[in-house]
Amino acid sequence: MTLCIKRINTGWSYLFSQIVEATGIHPTVIMTDSDLAVNVAVKEVFTKMYPVHCAFHITQNLHKNLRKPLRDHYEKFLQDFYRCRNSLV
């Protein structure tokens, strides 16, 4: 897994460095789907950038990764998650 992430991360790092080289712009915020390789590349290339994770994709990841393990407790977890998420506004 680490080797795969490292290889993918190299692609993201290269892409982000090319964006900086071509534009001279160093963004301060980026919105991602919380992909691990993107997060690593962001920290590497944009050292002062703050990553924001997309609420839609986070919710999709919850459905994908927690529905089966939580089984009967999933709906209660989801209600608590939405209550917490919505209180951050």
N, C-alpha and C. Protein backbone atom coordinates (compact mmCIF):
# COMPACT_ATOMS: atom_id res chain seq x y z
N MET A 1 0.82 -1.19 0.00
CA MET A 1 0.00 0.00 0.00
C MET A 1 0.87 1.26 0.00
N THR A 2 1.90 1.28 0.81
CA THR A 2 2.76 2.46 0.88
C THR A 2 3.43 2.72 -0.46
N LEU A 3 3.91 1.68 -1.13
CA LEU A 3 4.55 1.84 -2.42
C LEU A 3 3.57 2.43 -3.42
N CYS A 4 2.35 1.92 -3.42
CA CYS A 4 1.32 2.42 -4.34
C CYS A 4 1.02 3.89 -4.07
N ILE A 5 0.84 4.24 -2.82
CA ILE A 5 0.56 5.64 -2.46
C ILE A 5 1.73 6.52 -2.85
N LYS A 6 2.95 6.03 -2.62
CA LYS A 6 4.13 6.83 -2.95
C LYS A 6 4.18 7.08 -4.46
N ARG A 7 3.90 6.05 -5.26
CA ARG A 7 3.94 6.20 -6.71
C ARG A 7 2.85 7.17 -7.19
N ILE A 8 1.65 7.01 -6.66
CA ILE A 8 0.55 7.90 -7.04
C ILE A 8 0.86 9.32 -6.58
N ASN A 9 1.40 9.44 -5.37
CA ASN A 9 1.73 10.74 -4.81
C ASN A 9 2.72 11.47 -5.69
N THR A 10 3.69 10.77 -6.27
CA THR A 10 4.66 11.39 -7.16
C THR A 10 3.94 12.08 -8.31
N GLY A 11 2.91 11.46 -8.83
CA GLY A 11 2.12 12.07 -9.92
C GLY A 11 1.42 13.34 -9.46
N TRP A 12 0.80 13.30 -8.28
CA TRP A 12 0.13 14.48 -7.74
C TRP A 12 1.14 15.59 -7.45
N SER A 13 2.25 15.23 -6.85
CA SER A 13 3.28 16.23 -6.54
C SER A 13 3.77 16.89 -7.82
N TYR A 14 3.99 16.09 -8.84
CA TYR A 14 4.45 16.63 -10.12
C TYR A 14 3.40 17.58 -10.70
N LEU A 15 2.15 17.15 -10.69
CA LEU A 15 1.08 17.98 -11.21
C LEU A 15 1.01 19.32 -10.46
N PHE A 16 1.02 19.27 -9.14
CA PHE A 16 0.94 20.49 -8.35
C PHE A 16 2.15 21.39 -8.58
N SER A 17 3.36 20.80 -8.71
CA SER A 17 4.55 21.63 -8.99
C SER A 17 4.46 22.29 -10.35
N GLN A 18 3.90 21.58 -11.32
CA GLN A 18 3.74 22.16 -12.65
C GLN A 18 2.74 23.31 -12.64
N ILE A 19 1.70 23.19 -11.83
CA ILE A 19 0.73 24.28 -11.71
C ILE A 19 1.41 25.53 -11.15
N VAL A 20 2.23 25.34 -10.11
CA VAL A 20 2.96 26.47 -9.52
C VAL A 20 3.92 27.07 -10.53
N GLU A 21 4.65 26.22 -11.24
CA GLU A 21 5.63 26.70 -12.22
C GLU A 21 4.94 27.47 -13.35
N ALA A 22 3.81 26.97 -13.81
CA ALA A 22 3.12 27.59 -14.94
C ALA A 22 2.40 28.89 -14.56
N THR A 23 1.90 28.95 -13.32
CA THR A 23 1.08 30.09 -12.95
C THR A 23 1.74 31.03 -11.95
N GLY A 24 2.70 30.49 -11.19
CA GLY A 24 3.30 31.28 -10.12
C GLY A 24 2.37 31.46 -8.93
N ILE A 25 1.25 30.74 -8.95
CA ILE A 25 0.25 30.86 -7.89
C ILE A 25 0.44 29.74 -6.86
N HIS A 26 0.41 30.14 -5.59
CA HIS A 26 0.45 29.18 -4.48
C HIS A 26 -0.88 29.28 -3.74
N PRO A 27 -1.83 28.41 -4.07
CA PRO A 27 -3.15 28.49 -3.43
C PRO A 27 -3.04 28.34 -1.91
N THR A 28 -4.00 28.91 -1.21
CA THR A 28 -4.01 28.77 0.25
C THR A 28 -5.01 27.74 0.72
N VAL A 29 -5.97 27.38 -0.14
CA VAL A 29 -6.99 26.38 0.21
C VAL A 29 -7.21 25.48 -0.99
N ILE A 30 -7.41 24.19 -0.72
CA ILE A 30 -7.78 23.24 -1.78
C ILE A 30 -8.87 22.34 -1.23
N MET A 31 -9.87 22.03 -2.06
CA MET A 31 -10.93 21.12 -1.66
C MET A 31 -10.69 19.79 -2.35
N THR A 32 -10.62 18.72 -1.55
CA THR A 32 -10.37 17.40 -2.10
C THR A 32 -11.41 16.42 -1.59
N ASP A 33 -11.32 15.19 -2.09
CA ASP A 33 -12.21 14.13 -1.62
C ASP A 33 -11.56 13.33 -0.49
N SER A 34 -10.56 13.89 0.13
CA SER A 34 -9.79 13.29 1.24
C SER A 34 -8.94 12.10 0.79
N ASP A 35 -8.51 12.11 -0.44
CA ASP A 35 -7.61 11.09 -0.97
C ASP A 35 -6.25 11.23 -0.30
N LEU A 36 -5.73 10.14 0.24
CA LEU A 36 -4.47 10.17 0.98
C LEU A 36 -3.30 10.67 0.15
N ALA A 37 -3.20 10.21 -1.09
CA ALA A 37 -2.08 10.63 -1.95
C ALA A 37 -2.14 12.13 -2.25
N VAL A 38 -3.34 12.66 -2.45
CA VAL A 38 -3.49 14.10 -2.70
C VAL A 38 -3.09 14.88 -1.45
N ASN A 39 -3.53 14.42 -0.29
CA ASN A 39 -3.18 15.11 0.96
C ASN A 39 -1.67 15.17 1.17
N VAL A 40 -0.98 14.08 0.89
CA VAL A 40 0.48 14.04 1.05
C VAL A 40 1.13 15.01 0.07
N ALA A 41 0.67 15.00 -1.18
CA ALA A 41 1.25 15.89 -2.20
C ALA A 41 0.99 17.36 -1.86
N VAL A 42 -0.19 17.66 -1.35
CA VAL A 42 -0.52 19.03 -0.96
C VAL A 42 0.46 19.52 0.10
N LYS A 43 0.70 18.69 1.12
CA LYS A 43 1.63 19.07 2.19
C LYS A 43 3.05 19.24 1.66
N GLU A 44 3.39 18.45 0.66
CA GLU A 44 4.74 18.48 0.10
C GLU A 44 4.96 19.73 -0.78
N VAL A 45 4.02 20.05 -1.63
CA VAL A 45 4.20 21.12 -2.61
C VAL A 45 3.69 22.47 -2.09
N PHE A 46 2.53 22.44 -1.46
CA PHE A 46 1.91 23.68 -0.97
C PHE A 46 2.01 23.69 0.55
N THR A 47 3.17 24.05 1.06
CA THR A 47 3.43 23.91 2.50
C THR A 47 2.53 24.78 3.38
N LYS A 48 2.00 25.86 2.82
CA LYS A 48 1.14 26.74 3.62
C LYS A 48 -0.34 26.58 3.28
N MET A 49 -0.66 25.58 2.49
CA MET A 49 -2.04 25.37 2.06
C MET A 49 -2.82 24.60 3.11
N TYR A 50 -4.10 24.91 3.19
CA TYR A 50 -5.01 24.22 4.10
C TYR A 50 -5.97 23.37 3.28
N PRO A 51 -5.91 22.04 3.42
CA PRO A 51 -6.84 21.19 2.66
C PRO A 51 -8.22 21.14 3.33
N VAL A 52 -9.26 21.26 2.51
CA VAL A 52 -10.64 21.14 2.98
C VAL A 52 -11.22 19.92 2.30
N HIS A 53 -11.84 19.06 3.08
CA HIS A 53 -12.40 17.84 2.50
C HIS A 53 -13.88 18.04 2.20
N CYS A 54 -14.27 17.64 1.03
CA CYS A 54 -15.63 17.80 0.52
C CYS A 54 -16.62 16.96 1.34
N ALA A 55 -17.65 17.61 1.88
CA ALA A 55 -18.64 16.93 2.72
C ALA A 55 -19.36 15.82 1.95
N PHE A 56 -19.63 16.04 0.68
CA PHE A 56 -20.29 15.02 -0.13
C PHE A 56 -19.43 13.75 -0.20
N HIS A 57 -18.14 13.91 -0.50
CA HIS A 57 -17.27 12.75 -0.61
C HIS A 57 -17.02 12.07 0.73
N ILE A 58 -16.96 12.85 1.79
CA ILE A 58 -16.82 12.25 3.12
C ILE A 58 -18.03 11.37 3.41
N THR A 59 -19.22 11.88 3.09
CA THR A 59 -20.44 11.10 3.31
C THR A 59 -20.45 9.84 2.46
N GLN A 60 -20.01 9.94 1.22
CA GLN A 60 -19.93 8.77 0.35
C GLN A 60 -18.97 7.73 0.94
N ASN A 61 -17.85 8.20 1.50
CA ASN A 61 -16.90 7.28 2.12
C ASN A 61 -17.49 6.62 3.36
N LEU A 62 -18.32 7.34 4.10
CA LEU A 62 -18.99 6.74 5.26
C LEU A 62 -19.87 5.59 4.81
N HIS A 63 -20.70 5.84 3.78
CA HIS A 63 -21.59 4.79 3.27
C HIS A 63 -20.78 3.58 2.80
N LYS A 64 -19.72 3.87 2.08
CA LYS A 64 -18.91 2.80 1.49
C LYS A 64 -18.17 1.98 2.56
N ASN A 65 -17.65 2.65 3.59
CA ASN A 65 -16.76 1.96 4.53
C ASN A 65 -17.36 1.60 5.88
N LEU A 66 -18.49 2.20 6.25
CA LEU A 66 -19.01 1.94 7.60
C LEU A 66 -20.37 1.26 7.66
N ARG A 67 -21.09 1.25 6.54
CA ARG A 67 -22.43 0.65 6.56
C ARG A 67 -22.39 -0.81 7.02
N LYS A 68 -21.53 -1.59 6.44
CA LYS A 68 -21.48 -3.02 6.79
C LYS A 68 -20.89 -3.25 8.19
N PRO A 69 -19.76 -2.64 8.52
CA PRO A 69 -19.21 -2.90 9.86
C PRO A 69 -20.13 -2.46 11.01
N LEU A 70 -20.85 -1.36 10.85
CA LEU A 70 -21.71 -0.86 11.92
C LEU A 70 -23.10 -1.50 11.94
N ARG A 71 -23.48 -2.09 10.82
CA ARG A 71 -24.76 -2.77 10.66
C ARG A 71 -25.94 -2.00 11.25
N ASP A 72 -26.54 -2.53 12.31
CA ASP A 72 -27.74 -1.93 12.90
C ASP A 72 -27.46 -0.57 13.54
N HIS A 73 -26.22 -0.27 13.83
CA HIS A 73 -25.86 0.99 14.48
C HIS A 73 -25.54 2.09 13.47
N TYR A 74 -25.55 1.74 12.19
CA TYR A 74 -25.14 2.70 11.16
C TYR A 74 -26.07 3.92 11.10
N GLU A 75 -27.37 3.71 11.12
CA GLU A 75 -28.32 4.83 11.02
C GLU A 75 -28.15 5.80 12.19
N LYS A 76 -27.97 5.27 13.38
CA LYS A 76 -27.75 6.13 14.55
C LYS A 76 -26.43 6.89 14.40
N PHE A 77 -25.39 6.19 13.94
CA PHE A 77 -24.11 6.85 13.71
C PHE A 77 -24.27 7.99 12.70
N LEU A 78 -24.99 7.72 11.61
CA LEU A 78 -25.18 8.72 10.57
C LEU A 78 -25.94 9.94 11.09
N GLN A 79 -26.97 9.73 11.90
CA GLN A 79 -27.69 10.85 12.51
C GLN A 79 -26.75 11.68 13.37
N ASP A 80 -25.94 11.02 14.18
CA ASP A 80 -24.98 11.74 15.04
C ASP A 80 -23.94 12.48 14.20
N PHE A 81 -23.49 11.84 13.13
CA PHE A 81 -22.51 12.47 12.26
C PHE A 81 -23.08 13.74 11.63
N TYR A 82 -24.32 13.65 11.08
CA TYR A 82 -24.94 14.82 10.45
C TYR A 82 -25.16 15.94 11.48
N ARG A 83 -25.57 15.58 12.68
CA ARG A 83 -25.78 16.58 13.72
C ARG A 83 -24.48 17.30 14.03
N CYS A 84 -23.40 16.55 14.14
CA CYS A 84 -22.08 17.13 14.40
C CYS A 84 -21.62 17.99 13.22
N ARG A 85 -21.71 17.45 12.02
CA ARG A 85 -21.29 18.18 10.82
C ARG A 85 -22.06 19.48 10.67
N ASN A 86 -23.36 19.44 10.87
CA ASN A 86 -24.18 20.63 10.69
C ASN A 86 -23.98 21.67 11.79
N SER A 87 -23.44 21.26 12.91
CA SER A 87 -23.20 22.22 14.00
C SER A 87 -21.93 23.02 13.78
N LEU A 88 -21.12 22.64 12.80
CA LEU A 88 -19.85 23.31 12.54
C LEU A 88 -19.99 24.55 11.69
N VAL A 89 -21.17 24.83 11.21
CA VAL A 89 -21.40 25.97 10.31
C VAL A 89 -21.22 27.28 11.01
